[in-house]
Amino acid sequence: MRRWIPLTVGLALAALLAAMKLLEFAFFSYRLNLETYLGLVALVFMSLGIGITAWIKRRPGKRQAHFEDDGILSRREREILERIAMGFTNSEIAESLCVSVNTIKTHTRNIYAKLGVSNRAEAVFRAKQKEELG
């Protein structure tokens, strides 16, 4: 199914281009006035934008799927939370795991969201309550 997506999108864009060229021809051959032409062009692009937005929202994205596991922390998030519980800074955690500080910050935000907390102390306390930490 996935390999047909580029072909389908390509054919749809080719059909849209042909329709736009037909409109352009009608405008330049004086069959359409300027307001009608611009209105139709705006309508086409607005419809295209709405269609693409709807298509993107239907697809399960990585960010949406990331939080669909009912608050269970991933292995990497548990590793980071354990280091947070030991009092490590973001820089120290990043260095020990050989990743960037921004990666640690992202994981930390995800941990906070999954546990429903807003700081490190709450995260450690909630994780111990949920038995996510040993």
C-alpha atoms as a PDB file:
ATOM      1  CA  MET A   1       0.000   0.000   0.000  1.00  0.00           C
ATOM      2  CA  ARG A   2       2.758   2.461   0.919  1.00  0.00           C
ATOM      3  CA  ARG A   3       4.543   2.215  -2.388  1.00  0.00           C
ATOM      4  CA  TRP A   4       1.394   3.403  -4.197  1.00  0.00           C
ATOM      5  CA  ILE A   5       1.199   6.629  -2.183  1.00  0.00           C
ATOM      6  CA  PRO A   6       3.851   8.544  -4.208  1.00  0.00           C
ATOM      7  CA  LEU A   7       2.246   7.405  -7.470  1.00  0.00           C
ATOM      8  CA  THR A   8      -1.228   8.425  -6.317  1.00  0.00           C
ATOM      9  CA  VAL A   9      -0.024  11.787  -5.042  1.00  0.00           C
ATOM     10  CA  GLY A  10       1.908  12.366  -8.266  1.00  0.00           C
ATOM     11  CA  LEU A  11      -1.121  11.593 -10.418  1.00  0.00           C
ATOM     12  CA  ALA A  12      -3.344  13.836  -8.296  1.00  0.00           C
ATOM     13  CA  LEU A  13      -0.873  16.708  -8.580  1.00  0.00           C
ATOM     14  CA  ALA A  14      -0.576  16.171 -12.333  1.00  0.00           C
ATOM     15  CA  ALA A  15      -4.381  16.332 -12.638  1.00  0.00           C
ATOM     16  CA  LEU A  16      -4.411  19.484 -10.512  1.00  0.00           C
ATOM     17  CA  LEU A  17      -1.741  21.058 -12.707  1.00  0.00           C
ATOM     18  CA  ALA A  18      -3.727  20.200 -15.838  1.00  0.00           C
ATOM     19  CA  ALA A  19      -6.854  21.762 -14.329  1.00  0.00           C
ATOM     20  CA  MET A  20      -4.900  24.894 -13.380  1.00  0.00           C
ATOM     21  CA  LYS A  21      -3.476  25.172 -16.905  1.00  0.00           C
ATOM     22  CA  LEU A  22      -6.998  24.831 -18.313  1.00  0.00           C
ATOM     23  CA  LEU A  23      -8.146  27.658 -16.025  1.00  0.00           C
ATOM     24  CA  GLU A  24      -5.159  29.736 -17.069  1.00  0.00           C
ATOM     25  CA  PHE A  25      -5.976  29.168 -20.729  1.00  0.00           C
ATOM     26  CA  ALA A  26      -9.594  30.178 -20.149  1.00  0.00           C
ATOM     27  CA  PHE A  27      -8.433  33.338 -18.375  1.00  0.00           C
ATOM     28  CA  PHE A  28      -5.945  34.360 -21.061  1.00  0.00           C
ATOM     29  CA  SER A  29      -8.404  33.640 -23.861  1.00  0.00           C
ATOM     30  CA  TYR A  30     -10.767  36.140 -22.143  1.00  0.00           C
ATOM     31  CA  ARG A  31     -13.432  33.610 -21.186  1.00  0.00           C
ATOM     32  CA  LEU A  32     -12.948  34.338 -17.476  1.00  0.00           C
ATOM     33  CA  ASN A  33     -12.603  37.686 -15.775  1.00  0.00           C
ATOM     34  CA  LEU A  34      -9.845  38.304 -13.239  1.00  0.00           C
ATOM     35  CA  GLU A  35     -12.031  37.944 -10.135  1.00  0.00           C
ATOM     36  CA  THR A  36     -13.397  34.575 -11.248  1.00  0.00           C
ATOM     37  CA  TYR A  37      -9.934  33.300 -12.142  1.00  0.00           C
ATOM     38  CA  LEU A  38      -8.388  34.368  -8.831  1.00  0.00           C
ATOM     39  CA  GLY A  39     -11.361  32.984  -6.903  1.00  0.00           C
ATOM     40  CA  LEU A  40     -11.028  29.595  -8.572  1.00  0.00           C
ATOM     41  CA  VAL A  41      -7.257  29.508  -7.980  1.00  0.00           C
ATOM     42  CA  ALA A  42      -7.795  30.398  -4.309  1.00  0.00           C
ATOM     43  CA  LEU A  43     -10.476  27.708  -4.014  1.00  0.00           C
ATOM     44  CA  VAL A  44      -8.157  25.079  -5.514  1.00  0.00           C
ATOM     45  CA  PHE A  45      -5.290  25.896  -3.161  1.00  0.00           C
ATOM     46  CA  MET A  46      -7.571  26.139  -0.127  1.00  0.00           C
ATOM     47  CA  SER A  47      -9.024  22.709  -0.961  1.00  0.00           C
ATOM     48  CA  LEU A  48      -5.543  21.314  -1.451  1.00  0.00           C
ATOM     49  CA  GLY A  49      -4.441  22.670   1.939  1.00  0.00           C
ATOM     50  CA  ILE A  50      -7.495  21.270   3.710  1.00  0.00           C
ATOM     51  CA  GLY A  51      -7.046  17.880   2.033  1.00  0.00           C
ATOM     52  CA  ILE A  52      -3.365  17.621   2.921  1.00  0.00           C
ATOM     53  CA  THR A  53      -4.055  18.665   6.516  1.00  0.00           C
ATOM     54  CA  ALA A  54      -6.795  16.047   6.859  1.00  0.00           C
ATOM     55  CA  TRP A  55      -4.518  13.381   5.363  1.00  0.00           C
ATOM     56  CA  ILE A  56      -1.661  14.252   7.732  1.00  0.00           C
ATOM     57  CA  LYS A  57      -3.945  14.185  10.778  1.00  0.00           C
ATOM     58  CA  ARG A  58      -5.282  10.731   9.823  1.00  0.00           C
ATOM     59  CA  ARG A  59      -1.803   9.219   9.723  1.00  0.00           C
ATOM     60  CA  PRO A  60      -0.485   7.998  13.069  1.00  0.00           C
ATOM     61  CA  GLY A  61       2.562  10.161  13.648  1.00  0.00           C
ATOM     62  CA  LYS A  62       5.522   9.298  15.815  1.00  0.00           C
ATOM     63  CA  ARG A  63       4.621  11.961  18.367  1.00  0.00           C
ATOM     64  CA  GLN A  64       1.013  10.772  18.653  1.00  0.00           C
ATOM     65  CA  ALA A  65       1.970   7.119  19.013  1.00  0.00           C
ATOM     66  CA  HIS A  66       4.640   8.031  21.569  1.00  0.00           C
ATOM     67  CA  PHE A  67       2.075   8.759  24.295  1.00  0.00           C
ATOM     68  CA  GLU A  68      -0.450   6.021  23.521  1.00  0.00           C
ATOM     69  CA  ASP A  69       1.022   3.492  25.903  1.00  0.00           C
ATOM     70  CA  ASP A  70      -0.972   4.579  28.999  1.00  0.00           C
ATOM     71  CA  GLY A  71       1.919   6.268  30.758  1.00  0.00           C
ATOM     72  CA  ILE A  72       4.309   3.308  30.761  1.00  0.00           C
ATOM     73  CA  LEU A  73       7.878   4.549  30.486  1.00  0.00           C
ATOM     74  CA  SER A  74      10.184   3.214  27.806  1.00  0.00           C
ATOM     75  CA  ARG A  75      13.471   1.550  28.706  1.00  0.00           C
ATOM     76  CA  ARG A  76      15.419   4.714  27.828  1.00  0.00           C
ATOM     77  CA  GLU A  77      13.069   6.904  29.833  1.00  0.00           C
ATOM     78  CA  ARG A  78      13.524   4.616  32.846  1.00  0.00           C
ATOM     79  CA  GLU A  79      17.313   4.907  32.478  1.00  0.00           C
ATOM     80  CA  ILE A  80      17.053   8.683  32.447  1.00  0.00           C
ATOM     81  CA  LEU A  81      14.617   8.741  35.362  1.00  0.00           C
ATOM     82  CA  GLU A  82      16.975   6.535  37.408  1.00  0.00           C
ATOM     83  CA  ARG A  83      19.795   9.013  36.799  1.00  0.00           C
ATOM     84  CA  ILE A  84      17.480  11.900  37.701  1.00  0.00           C
ATOM     85  CA  ALA A  85      16.684  10.090  40.949  1.00  0.00           C
ATOM     86  CA  MET A  86      20.433   9.797  41.645  1.00  0.00           C
ATOM     87  CA  GLY A  87      20.721  13.574  41.305  1.00  0.00           C
ATOM     88  CA  PHE A  88      22.469  13.773  37.924  1.00  0.00           C
ATOM     89  CA  THR A  89      22.156  16.984  35.890  1.00  0.00           C
ATOM     90  CA  ASN A  90      20.979  16.913  32.272  1.00  0.00           C
ATOM     91  CA  SER A  91      24.586  17.369  31.127  1.00  0.00           C
ATOM     92  CA  GLU A  92      25.805  14.465  33.239  1.00  0.00           C
ATOM     93  CA  ILE A  93      22.988  12.217  32.001  1.00  0.00           C
ATOM     94  CA  ALA A  94      23.706  13.176  28.393  1.00  0.00           C
ATOM     95  CA  GLU A  95      27.405  12.447  28.811  1.00  0.00           C
ATOM     96  CA  SER A  96      26.810   9.076  30.487  1.00  0.00           C
ATOM     97  CA  LEU A  97      24.384   7.970  27.749  1.00  0.00           C
ATOM     98  CA  CYS A  98      26.393   9.502  24.864  1.00  0.00           C
ATOM     99  CA  VAL A  99      23.514  11.682  23.614  1.00  0.00           C
ATOM    100  CA  SER A 100      22.922  15.423  23.429  1.00  0.00           C
ATOM    101  CA  VAL A 101      21.497  17.500  26.251  1.00  0.00           C
ATOM    102  CA  ASN A 102      18.508  18.340  24.038  1.00  0.00           C
ATOM    103  CA  THR A 103      17.724  14.618  23.728  1.00  0.00           C
ATOM    104  CA  ILE A 104      17.712  14.345  27.519  1.00  0.00           C
ATOM    105  CA  LYS A 105      15.429  17.378  27.764  1.00  0.00           C
ATOM    106  CA  THR A 106      13.020  15.791  25.279  1.00  0.00           C
ATOM    107  CA  HIS A 107      12.978  12.501  27.183  1.00  0.00           C
ATOM    108  CA  THR A 108      12.470  14.415  30.435  1.00  0.00           C
ATOM    109  CA  ARG A 109       9.457  16.274  28.987  1.00  0.00           C
ATOM    110  CA  ASN A 110       8.028  12.946  27.818  1.00  0.00           C
ATOM    111  CA  ILE A 111       8.552  11.456  31.289  1.00  0.00           C
ATOM    112  CA  TYR A 112       6.774  14.440  32.862  1.00  0.00           C
ATOM    113  CA  ALA A 113       3.860  14.093  30.441  1.00  0.00           C
ATOM    114  CA  LYS A 114       3.508  10.353  30.968  1.00  0.00           C
ATOM    115  CA  LEU A 115       3.643  10.657  34.741  1.00  0.00           C
ATOM    116  CA  GLY A 116       1.528  13.825  34.863  1.00  0.00           C
ATOM    117  CA  VAL A 117       4.106  15.880  36.772  1.00  0.00           C
ATOM    118  CA  SER A 118       5.949  19.155  36.270  1.00  0.00           C
ATOM    119  CA  ASN A 119       9.358  18.722  37.932  1.00  0.00           C
ATOM    120  CA  ARG A 120      12.080  16.201  38.756  1.00  0.00           C
ATOM    121  CA  ALA A 121      11.095  15.594  42.380  1.00  0.00           C
ATOM    122  CA  GLU A 122       7.478  14.879  41.446  1.00  0.00           C
ATOM    123  CA  ALA A 123       8.635  12.588  38.636  1.00  0.00           C
ATOM    124  CA  VAL A 124      10.778  10.494  40.963  1.00  0.00           C
ATOM    125  CA  PHE A 125       8.034  10.355  43.614  1.00  0.00           C
ATOM    126  CA  ARG A 126       5.317   9.389  41.088  1.00  0.00           C
ATOM    127  CA  ALA A 127       7.547   6.800  39.432  1.00  0.00           C
ATOM    128  CA  LYS A 128       8.202   5.162  42.787  1.00  0.00           C
ATOM    129  CA  GLN A 129       4.447   5.152  43.453  1.00  0.00           C
ATOM    130  CA  LYS A 130       3.800   3.500  40.082  1.00  0.00           C
ATOM    131  CA  GLU A 131       6.721   1.149  40.671  1.00  0.00           C
ATOM    132  CA  GLU A 132       8.503   2.392  37.557  1.00  0.00           C
ATOM    133  CA  LEU A 133      11.632   2.902  39.658  1.00  0.00           C
ATOM    134  CA  GLY A 134      13.245   0.279  41.862  1.00  0.00           C
END
